[in-house]
Amino acid sequence: MRFLLLAAMALSGCFLMSNAYSTREQVLTAAREYNDGVRWGKFEQAANHVPKDKRKKFFEKHKNLEEELDISDYEIGAVDVDKSDRKHIKVTTRVDYTWSLKREGLVQKTSTKQRWEEQNSEWVLVAEERVKGTPLTLFDEPVEASATP
């Protein structure tokens, strides 16, 4: 009887702990898995966090640079959780990459803004845009405001 009581208490504790796992923590876990996959060439791992309709393009971009690109480090910075629309929570992360192309040998830095959305109970990266630093074909370029004549 005591065993059943202890087991029930343990399970309820696990349930409470899983509910306490915040949106920010969930996105950080997904962002780490994605960015680790990109850094170490584990594209299948990273692609798990890319919407299915964008995976083919994701693989093409990364395969084109696979032998040439060396991402030596990345750091996830600011995490902004937007809960203004309860049905569609959006999260933005800032990621700083340190990288080089083997043929050039110069160390470059690029900062990006990653936009994450929950789809089918999974956090996926819906867009990644360069915000400063050296351009790299893996990242979308910022859309400039239309110039008025």
N, C-alpha and C. Protein backbone atom coordinates (compact mmCIF):
# COMPACT_ATOMS: atom_id res chain seq x y z
N MET A 1 0.82 -1.19 0.00
CA MET A 1 0.00 0.00 0.00
C MET A 1 0.87 1.26 0.00
N ARG A 2 1.93 1.26 0.82
CA ARG A 2 2.83 2.41 0.85
C ARG A 2 3.49 2.63 -0.50
N PHE A 3 3.83 1.52 -1.16
CA PHE A 3 4.44 1.62 -2.47
C PHE A 3 3.51 2.33 -3.45
N LEU A 4 2.25 1.96 -3.45
CA LEU A 4 1.28 2.60 -4.35
C LEU A 4 1.14 4.08 -4.03
N LEU A 5 1.13 4.41 -2.76
CA LEU A 5 1.01 5.80 -2.35
C LEU A 5 2.23 6.60 -2.82
N LEU A 6 3.43 6.04 -2.62
CA LEU A 6 4.65 6.71 -3.07
C LEU A 6 4.67 6.85 -4.58
N ALA A 7 4.26 5.82 -5.29
CA ALA A 7 4.22 5.88 -6.76
C ALA A 7 3.25 6.96 -7.22
N ALA A 8 2.09 7.04 -6.59
CA ALA A 8 1.09 8.06 -6.96
C ALA A 8 1.65 9.46 -6.70
N MET A 9 2.34 9.63 -5.59
CA MET A 9 2.92 10.94 -5.27
C MET A 9 4.01 11.29 -6.29
N ALA A 10 4.82 10.33 -6.66
CA ALA A 10 5.89 10.58 -7.62
C ALA A 10 5.31 10.96 -8.97
N LEU A 11 4.29 10.24 -9.42
CA LEU A 11 3.67 10.55 -10.71
C LEU A 11 3.01 11.92 -10.69
N SER A 12 2.36 12.26 -9.61
CA SER A 12 1.73 13.58 -9.55
C SER A 12 2.79 14.67 -9.54
N GLY A 13 3.92 14.42 -8.92
CA GLY A 13 5.03 15.37 -8.94
C GLY A 13 5.57 15.56 -10.34
N CYS A 14 5.69 14.46 -11.09
CA CYS A 14 6.15 14.56 -12.47
C CYS A 14 5.16 15.35 -13.31
N PHE A 15 3.88 15.12 -13.07
CA PHE A 15 2.84 15.84 -13.81
C PHE A 15 2.94 17.33 -13.52
N LEU A 16 3.13 17.67 -12.25
CA LEU A 16 3.24 19.08 -11.89
C LEU A 16 4.49 19.69 -12.50
N MET A 17 5.58 18.94 -12.51
CA MET A 17 6.82 19.44 -13.07
C MET A 17 6.68 19.68 -14.57
N SER A 18 6.00 18.78 -15.30
CA SER A 18 5.86 18.96 -16.74
C SER A 18 4.99 20.17 -17.06
N ASN A 19 4.01 20.46 -16.22
CA ASN A 19 3.18 21.63 -16.44
C ASN A 19 3.95 22.91 -16.13
N ALA A 20 4.95 22.81 -15.27
CA ALA A 20 5.73 23.97 -14.89
C ALA A 20 6.80 24.31 -15.93
N TYR A 21 6.99 23.46 -16.91
CA TYR A 21 7.97 23.67 -17.97
C TYR A 21 7.48 24.82 -18.84
N SER A 22 8.07 25.99 -18.70
CA SER A 22 7.57 27.21 -19.33
C SER A 22 7.79 27.23 -20.84
N THR A 23 7.05 28.11 -21.48
CA THR A 23 7.19 28.32 -22.92
C THR A 23 8.63 28.69 -23.25
N ARG A 24 9.20 29.58 -22.47
CA ARG A 24 10.58 30.01 -22.70
C ARG A 24 11.53 28.82 -22.65
N GLU A 25 11.38 27.96 -21.67
CA GLU A 25 12.25 26.78 -21.55
C GLU A 25 12.04 25.81 -22.71
N GLN A 26 10.80 25.64 -23.15
CA GLN A 26 10.51 24.76 -24.28
C GLN A 26 11.19 25.27 -25.54
N VAL A 27 11.08 26.58 -25.78
CA VAL A 27 11.71 27.15 -26.98
C VAL A 27 13.22 27.09 -26.88
N LEU A 28 13.77 27.37 -25.72
CA LEU A 28 15.23 27.27 -25.56
C LEU A 28 15.73 25.86 -25.84
N THR A 29 14.99 24.86 -25.40
CA THR A 29 15.37 23.47 -25.68
C THR A 29 15.35 23.22 -27.20
N ALA A 30 14.27 23.64 -27.87
CA ALA A 30 14.17 23.46 -29.32
C ALA A 30 15.27 24.24 -30.03
N ALA A 31 15.54 25.47 -29.59
CA ALA A 31 16.57 26.29 -30.23
C ALA A 31 17.96 25.67 -30.07
N ARG A 32 18.22 25.12 -28.90
CA ARG A 32 19.52 24.45 -28.69
C ARG A 32 19.65 23.23 -29.59
N GLU A 33 18.59 22.42 -29.67
CA GLU A 33 18.64 21.24 -30.54
C GLU A 33 18.85 21.65 -31.99
N TYR A 34 18.13 22.67 -32.43
CA TYR A 34 18.27 23.15 -33.81
C TYR A 34 19.69 23.66 -34.07
N ASN A 35 20.14 24.59 -33.23
CA ASN A 35 21.45 25.21 -33.46
C ASN A 35 22.60 24.25 -33.28
N ASP A 36 22.50 23.30 -32.35
CA ASP A 36 23.52 22.25 -32.23
C ASP A 36 23.57 21.43 -33.52
N GLY A 37 22.39 21.08 -34.04
CA GLY A 37 22.33 20.31 -35.27
C GLY A 37 22.99 21.04 -36.43
N VAL A 38 22.71 22.33 -36.56
CA VAL A 38 23.31 23.13 -37.63
C VAL A 38 24.81 23.23 -37.42
N ARG A 39 25.23 23.50 -36.20
CA ARG A 39 26.66 23.68 -35.94
C ARG A 39 27.46 22.42 -36.26
N TRP A 40 26.95 21.26 -35.86
CA TRP A 40 27.70 20.01 -36.01
C TRP A 40 27.32 19.22 -37.25
N GLY A 41 26.55 19.80 -38.16
CA GLY A 41 26.19 19.10 -39.40
C GLY A 41 25.20 17.98 -39.21
N LYS A 42 24.45 18.01 -38.14
CA LYS A 42 23.40 17.02 -37.89
C LYS A 42 22.08 17.60 -38.39
N PHE A 43 21.96 17.62 -39.71
CA PHE A 43 20.84 18.32 -40.34
C PHE A 43 19.50 17.65 -40.09
N GLU A 44 19.48 16.34 -39.92
CA GLU A 44 18.23 15.65 -39.59
C GLU A 44 17.71 16.13 -38.24
N GLN A 45 18.61 16.26 -37.27
CA GLN A 45 18.24 16.76 -35.94
C GLN A 45 17.69 18.18 -36.04
N ALA A 46 18.41 19.02 -36.77
CA ALA A 46 17.97 20.42 -36.91
C ALA A 46 16.65 20.51 -37.66
N ALA A 47 16.48 19.68 -38.68
CA ALA A 47 15.27 19.73 -39.52
C ALA A 47 14.02 19.37 -38.74
N ASN A 48 14.15 18.68 -37.62
CA ASN A 48 12.99 18.38 -36.79
C ASN A 48 12.33 19.65 -36.27
N HIS A 49 13.06 20.76 -36.31
CA HIS A 49 12.54 22.04 -35.83
C HIS A 49 12.28 23.02 -36.97
N VAL A 50 12.13 22.49 -38.18
CA VAL A 50 11.82 23.29 -39.35
C VAL A 50 10.46 22.81 -39.87
N PRO A 51 9.56 23.73 -40.26
CA PRO A 51 8.27 23.28 -40.79
C PRO A 51 8.47 22.33 -41.97
N LYS A 52 7.63 21.33 -42.07
CA LYS A 52 7.79 20.30 -43.10
C LYS A 52 7.86 20.87 -44.51
N ASP A 53 7.09 21.91 -44.79
CA ASP A 53 7.10 22.48 -46.14
C ASP A 53 8.37 23.27 -46.45
N LYS A 54 9.22 23.51 -45.46
CA LYS A 54 10.47 24.25 -45.67
C LYS A 54 11.71 23.36 -45.54
N ARG A 55 11.52 22.09 -45.27
CA ARG A 55 12.68 21.21 -45.01
C ARG A 55 13.54 20.98 -46.25
N LYS A 56 12.94 20.84 -47.41
CA LYS A 56 13.73 20.61 -48.62
C LYS A 56 14.68 21.78 -48.87
N LYS A 57 14.17 22.99 -48.76
CA LYS A 57 15.01 24.17 -48.94
C LYS A 57 16.09 24.24 -47.86
N PHE A 58 15.73 23.89 -46.62
CA PHE A 58 16.69 23.86 -45.51
C PHE A 58 17.85 22.92 -45.84
N PHE A 59 17.53 21.69 -46.28
CA PHE A 59 18.59 20.72 -46.60
C PHE A 59 19.45 21.21 -47.76
N GLU A 60 18.84 21.81 -48.78
CA GLU A 60 19.61 22.30 -49.93
C GLU A 60 20.60 23.38 -49.51
N LYS A 61 20.15 24.34 -48.72
CA LYS A 61 21.04 25.42 -48.27
C LYS A 61 22.22 24.87 -47.48
N HIS A 62 21.94 23.95 -46.56
CA HIS A 62 23.00 23.45 -45.70
C HIS A 62 23.93 22.48 -46.43
N LYS A 63 23.39 21.67 -47.31
CA LYS A 63 24.24 20.73 -48.07
C LYS A 63 25.19 21.48 -48.99
N ASN A 64 24.74 22.63 -49.54
CA ASN A 64 25.60 23.42 -50.42
C ASN A 64 26.83 23.97 -49.71
N LEU A 65 26.74 24.18 -48.41
CA LEU A 65 27.86 24.72 -47.64
C LEU A 65 28.52 23.70 -46.72
N GLU A 66 28.05 22.49 -46.74
CA GLU A 66 28.47 21.46 -45.78
C GLU A 66 29.99 21.30 -45.68
N GLU A 67 30.68 21.24 -46.81
CA GLU A 67 32.13 21.01 -46.81
C GLU A 67 32.91 22.29 -46.60
N GLU A 68 32.27 23.43 -46.80
CA GLU A 68 32.97 24.71 -46.78
C GLU A 68 32.81 25.49 -45.47
N LEU A 69 31.64 25.37 -44.84
CA LEU A 69 31.31 26.18 -43.67
C LEU A 69 31.74 25.51 -42.37
N ASP A 70 32.35 26.30 -41.50
CA ASP A 70 32.69 25.84 -40.16
C ASP A 70 32.08 26.82 -39.16
N ILE A 71 31.04 26.36 -38.46
CA ILE A 71 30.45 27.19 -37.40
C ILE A 71 31.18 26.81 -36.12
N SER A 72 32.00 27.72 -35.63
CA SER A 72 32.81 27.39 -34.46
C SER A 72 32.07 27.60 -33.16
N ASP A 73 31.05 28.47 -33.17
CA ASP A 73 30.30 28.70 -31.93
C ASP A 73 28.99 29.41 -32.26
N TYR A 74 28.06 29.29 -31.34
CA TYR A 74 26.84 30.08 -31.40
C TYR A 74 26.41 30.35 -29.97
N GLU A 75 25.68 31.43 -29.80
CA GLU A 75 25.17 31.76 -28.47
C GLU A 75 23.75 32.27 -28.62
N ILE A 76 22.85 31.68 -27.86
CA ILE A 76 21.47 32.13 -27.86
C ILE A 76 21.37 33.25 -26.83
N GLY A 77 20.91 34.41 -27.29
CA GLY A 77 20.81 35.57 -26.41
C GLY A 77 19.38 35.79 -25.95
N ALA A 78 18.88 36.94 -26.24
CA ALA A 78 17.55 37.35 -25.78
C ALA A 78 16.46 36.42 -26.29
N VAL A 79 15.50 36.15 -25.42
CA VAL A 79 14.33 35.36 -25.76
C VAL A 79 13.11 36.19 -25.43
N ASP A 80 12.29 36.51 -26.45
CA ASP A 80 11.11 37.34 -26.26
C ASP A 80 9.87 36.51 -26.54
N VAL A 81 9.04 36.32 -25.52
CA VAL A 81 7.80 35.53 -25.66
C VAL A 81 6.63 36.49 -25.82
N ASP A 82 5.93 36.39 -26.95
CA ASP A 82 4.76 37.24 -27.23
C ASP A 82 3.50 36.41 -27.05
N LYS A 83 2.78 36.65 -25.96
CA LYS A 83 1.55 35.92 -25.67
C LYS A 83 0.32 36.77 -25.93
N SER A 84 0.45 37.79 -26.76
CA SER A 84 -0.69 38.67 -27.01
C SER A 84 -1.83 37.92 -27.71
N ASP A 85 -1.51 36.91 -28.49
CA ASP A 85 -2.52 36.05 -29.11
C ASP A 85 -2.38 34.68 -28.46
N ARG A 86 -3.25 34.38 -27.51
CA ARG A 86 -3.16 33.14 -26.72
C ARG A 86 -3.17 31.88 -27.59
N LYS A 87 -3.81 31.93 -28.75
CA LYS A 87 -3.88 30.74 -29.62
C LYS A 87 -2.59 30.52 -30.39
N HIS A 88 -1.86 31.61 -30.64
CA HIS A 88 -0.64 31.51 -31.45
C HIS A 88 0.49 32.28 -30.77
N ILE A 89 1.08 31.67 -29.76
CA ILE A 89 2.20 32.30 -29.06
C ILE A 89 3.40 32.30 -30.01
N LYS A 90 4.07 33.45 -30.08
CA LYS A 90 5.25 33.58 -30.93
C LYS A 90 6.44 33.94 -30.06
N VAL A 91 7.57 33.37 -30.40
CA VAL A 91 8.79 33.61 -29.63
C VAL A 91 9.89 34.01 -30.60
N THR A 92 10.66 35.01 -30.19
CA THR A 92 11.80 35.46 -30.97
C THR A 92 13.06 35.26 -30.14
N THR A 93 14.07 34.68 -30.75
CA THR A 93 15.37 34.52 -30.08
C THR A 93 16.43 35.25 -30.90
N ARG A 94 17.45 35.67 -30.23
CA ARG A 94 18.60 36.29 -30.88
C ARG A 94 19.74 35.28 -30.80
N VAL A 95 20.38 35.00 -31.94
CA VAL A 95 21.47 34.03 -31.97
C VAL A 95 22.69 34.68 -32.62
N ASP A 96 23.82 34.57 -31.94
CA ASP A 96 25.08 35.09 -32.46
C ASP A 96 25.94 33.91 -32.89
N TYR A 97 26.32 33.90 -34.17
CA TYR A 97 27.14 32.83 -34.74
C TYR A 97 28.56 33.33 -34.97
N THR A 98 29.53 32.47 -34.74
CA THR A 98 30.91 32.70 -35.13
C THR A 98 31.25 31.61 -36.13
N TRP A 99 31.70 31.99 -37.33
CA TRP A 99 31.87 31.01 -38.40
C TRP A 99 32.99 31.45 -39.35
N SER A 100 33.38 30.51 -40.20
CA SER A 100 34.33 30.83 -41.27
C SER A 100 34.08 29.89 -42.44
N LEU A 101 34.47 30.37 -43.61
CA LEU A 101 34.48 29.53 -44.81
C LEU A 101 35.92 29.04 -44.97
N LYS A 102 36.10 27.75 -45.16
CA LYS A 102 37.44 27.15 -45.19
C LYS A 102 38.33 27.77 -46.27
N ARG A 103 37.76 28.12 -47.42
CA ARG A 103 38.58 28.68 -48.51
C ARG A 103 39.10 30.07 -48.18
N GLU A 104 38.38 30.80 -47.28
CA GLU A 104 38.80 32.15 -46.92
C GLU A 104 39.61 32.18 -45.62
N GLY A 105 39.22 31.37 -44.64
CA GLY A 105 39.93 31.29 -43.38
C GLY A 105 39.69 32.46 -42.44
N LEU A 106 38.83 33.39 -42.81
CA LEU A 106 38.55 34.54 -41.94
C LEU A 106 37.39 34.22 -41.00
N VAL A 107 37.55 34.55 -39.74
CA VAL A 107 36.48 34.35 -38.77
C VAL A 107 35.47 35.48 -38.93
N GLN A 108 34.21 35.09 -39.07
CA GLN A 108 33.12 36.06 -39.27
C GLN A 108 32.13 35.94 -38.12
N LYS A 109 31.34 36.98 -37.93
CA LYS A 109 30.28 36.95 -36.93
C LYS A 109 28.99 37.43 -37.59
N THR A 110 27.91 36.74 -37.24
CA THR A 110 26.60 37.10 -37.74
C THR A 110 25.60 36.93 -36.61
N SER A 111 24.74 37.91 -36.44
CA SER A 111 23.65 37.82 -35.47
C SER A 111 22.34 37.69 -36.23
N THR A 112 21.48 36.78 -35.75
CA THR A 112 20.20 36.57 -36.41
C THR A 112 19.06 36.68 -35.41
N LYS A 113 17.89 36.89 -35.96
CA LYS A 113 16.65 36.84 -35.19
C LYS A 113 15.91 35.61 -35.68
N GLN A 114 15.65 34.68 -34.76
CA GLN A 114 14.89 33.47 -35.08
C GLN A 114 13.47 33.64 -34.57
N ARG A 115 12.49 33.35 -35.44
CA ARG A 115 11.08 33.38 -35.02
C ARG A 115 10.58 31.95 -34.88
N TRP A 116 10.08 31.63 -33.70
CA TRP A 116 9.60 30.30 -33.36
C TRP A 116 8.10 30.34 -33.15
N GLU A 117 7.41 29.29 -33.63
CA GLU A 117 5.97 29.14 -33.40
C GLU A 117 5.68 27.70 -33.03
N GLU A 118 4.64 27.52 -32.25
CA GLU A 118 4.23 26.17 -31.87
C GLU A 118 3.29 25.64 -32.95
N GLN A 119 3.65 24.48 -33.49
CA GLN A 119 2.84 23.81 -34.51
C GLN A 119 2.72 22.35 -34.13
N ASN A 120 1.49 21.89 -33.97
CA ASN A 120 1.24 20.50 -33.58
C ASN A 120 2.02 20.11 -32.33
N SER A 121 1.97 20.96 -31.33
CA SER A 121 2.61 20.75 -30.03
C SER A 121 4.13 20.69 -30.10
N GLU A 122 4.72 21.18 -31.17
CA GLU A 122 6.18 21.24 -31.31
C GLU A 122 6.58 22.67 -31.66
N TRP A 123 7.72 23.12 -31.16
CA TRP A 123 8.23 24.43 -31.50
C TRP A 123 9.08 24.32 -32.75
N VAL A 124 8.74 25.13 -33.77
CA VAL A 124 9.46 25.10 -35.03
C VAL A 124 9.96 26.51 -35.37
N LEU A 125 11.08 26.53 -36.07
CA LEU A 125 11.70 27.77 -36.52
C LEU A 125 11.05 28.16 -37.85
N VAL A 126 10.27 29.23 -37.84
CA VAL A 126 9.55 29.62 -39.06
C VAL A 126 10.33 30.63 -39.89
N ALA A 127 11.31 31.32 -39.27
CA ALA A 127 12.12 32.28 -40.03
C ALA A 127 13.39 32.59 -39.25
N GLU A 128 14.46 32.84 -40.01
CA GLU A 128 15.72 33.29 -39.41
C GLU A 128 16.29 34.37 -40.32
N GLU A 129 16.45 35.55 -39.75
CA GLU A 129 16.87 36.71 -40.50
C GLU A 129 18.12 37.32 -39.88
N ARG A 130 19.07 37.68 -40.73
CA ARG A 130 20.28 38.35 -40.26
C ARG A 130 19.92 39.75 -39.77
N VAL A 131 20.41 40.12 -38.59
CA VAL A 131 20.17 41.47 -38.09
C VAL A 131 21.45 42.31 -38.08
N LYS A 132 22.61 41.66 -38.01
CA LYS A 132 23.88 42.38 -38.13
C LYS A 132 24.98 41.38 -38.41
N GLY A 133 26.11 41.93 -38.85
CA GLY A 133 27.24 41.06 -39.14
C GLY A 133 27.31 40.67 -40.60
N THR A 134 28.16 39.72 -40.88
CA THR A 134 28.43 39.28 -42.25
C THR A 134 27.28 38.44 -42.79
N PRO A 135 26.82 38.76 -44.01
CA PRO A 135 25.77 37.93 -44.63
C PRO A 135 26.26 36.50 -44.87
N LEU A 136 25.35 35.56 -44.79
CA LEU A 136 25.61 34.15 -45.08
C LEU A 136 24.35 33.59 -45.71
N THR A 137 24.50 32.80 -46.75
CA THR A 137 23.32 32.33 -47.50
C THR A 137 22.35 31.49 -46.68
N LEU A 138 22.75 31.04 -45.52
CA LEU A 138 21.83 30.27 -44.67
C LEU A 138 20.72 31.14 -44.10
N PHE A 139 20.99 32.44 -43.98
CA PHE A 139 20.06 33.33 -43.31
C PHE A 139 19.40 34.28 -44.29
N ASP A 140 18.12 34.55 -44.06
CA ASP A 140 17.41 35.53 -44.86
C ASP A 140 17.97 36.91 -44.54
N GLU A 141 17.96 37.76 -45.53
CA GLU A 141 18.40 39.14 -45.34
C GLU A 141 17.21 39.97 -44.85
N PRO A 142 17.48 41.01 -44.07
CA PRO A 142 16.38 41.86 -43.60
C PRO A 142 15.68 42.53 -44.77
N VAL A 143 14.38 42.64 -44.64
CA VAL A 143 13.59 43.32 -45.67
C VAL A 143 13.66 44.81 -45.39
N GLU A 144 14.16 45.56 -46.34
CA GLU A 144 14.28 47.00 -46.15
C GLU A 144 12.95 47.67 -46.45
N ALA A 145 12.68 48.72 -45.72
CA ALA A 145 11.45 49.47 -45.94
C ALA A 145 11.52 50.10 -47.34
N SER A 146 10.39 50.13 -48.00
CA SER A 146 10.33 50.72 -49.35
C SER A 146 10.73 52.18 -49.31
N ALA A 147 11.58 52.54 -50.23
CA ALA A 147 11.99 53.94 -50.31
C ALA A 147 10.87 54.75 -50.95
N THR A 148 10.58 55.86 -50.38
CA THR A 148 9.53 56.71 -50.95
C THR A 148 10.18 57.72 -51.89
N PRO A 149 9.57 57.96 -53.08
CA PRO A 149 10.17 58.88 -54.05
C PRO A 149 10.10 60.32 -53.61
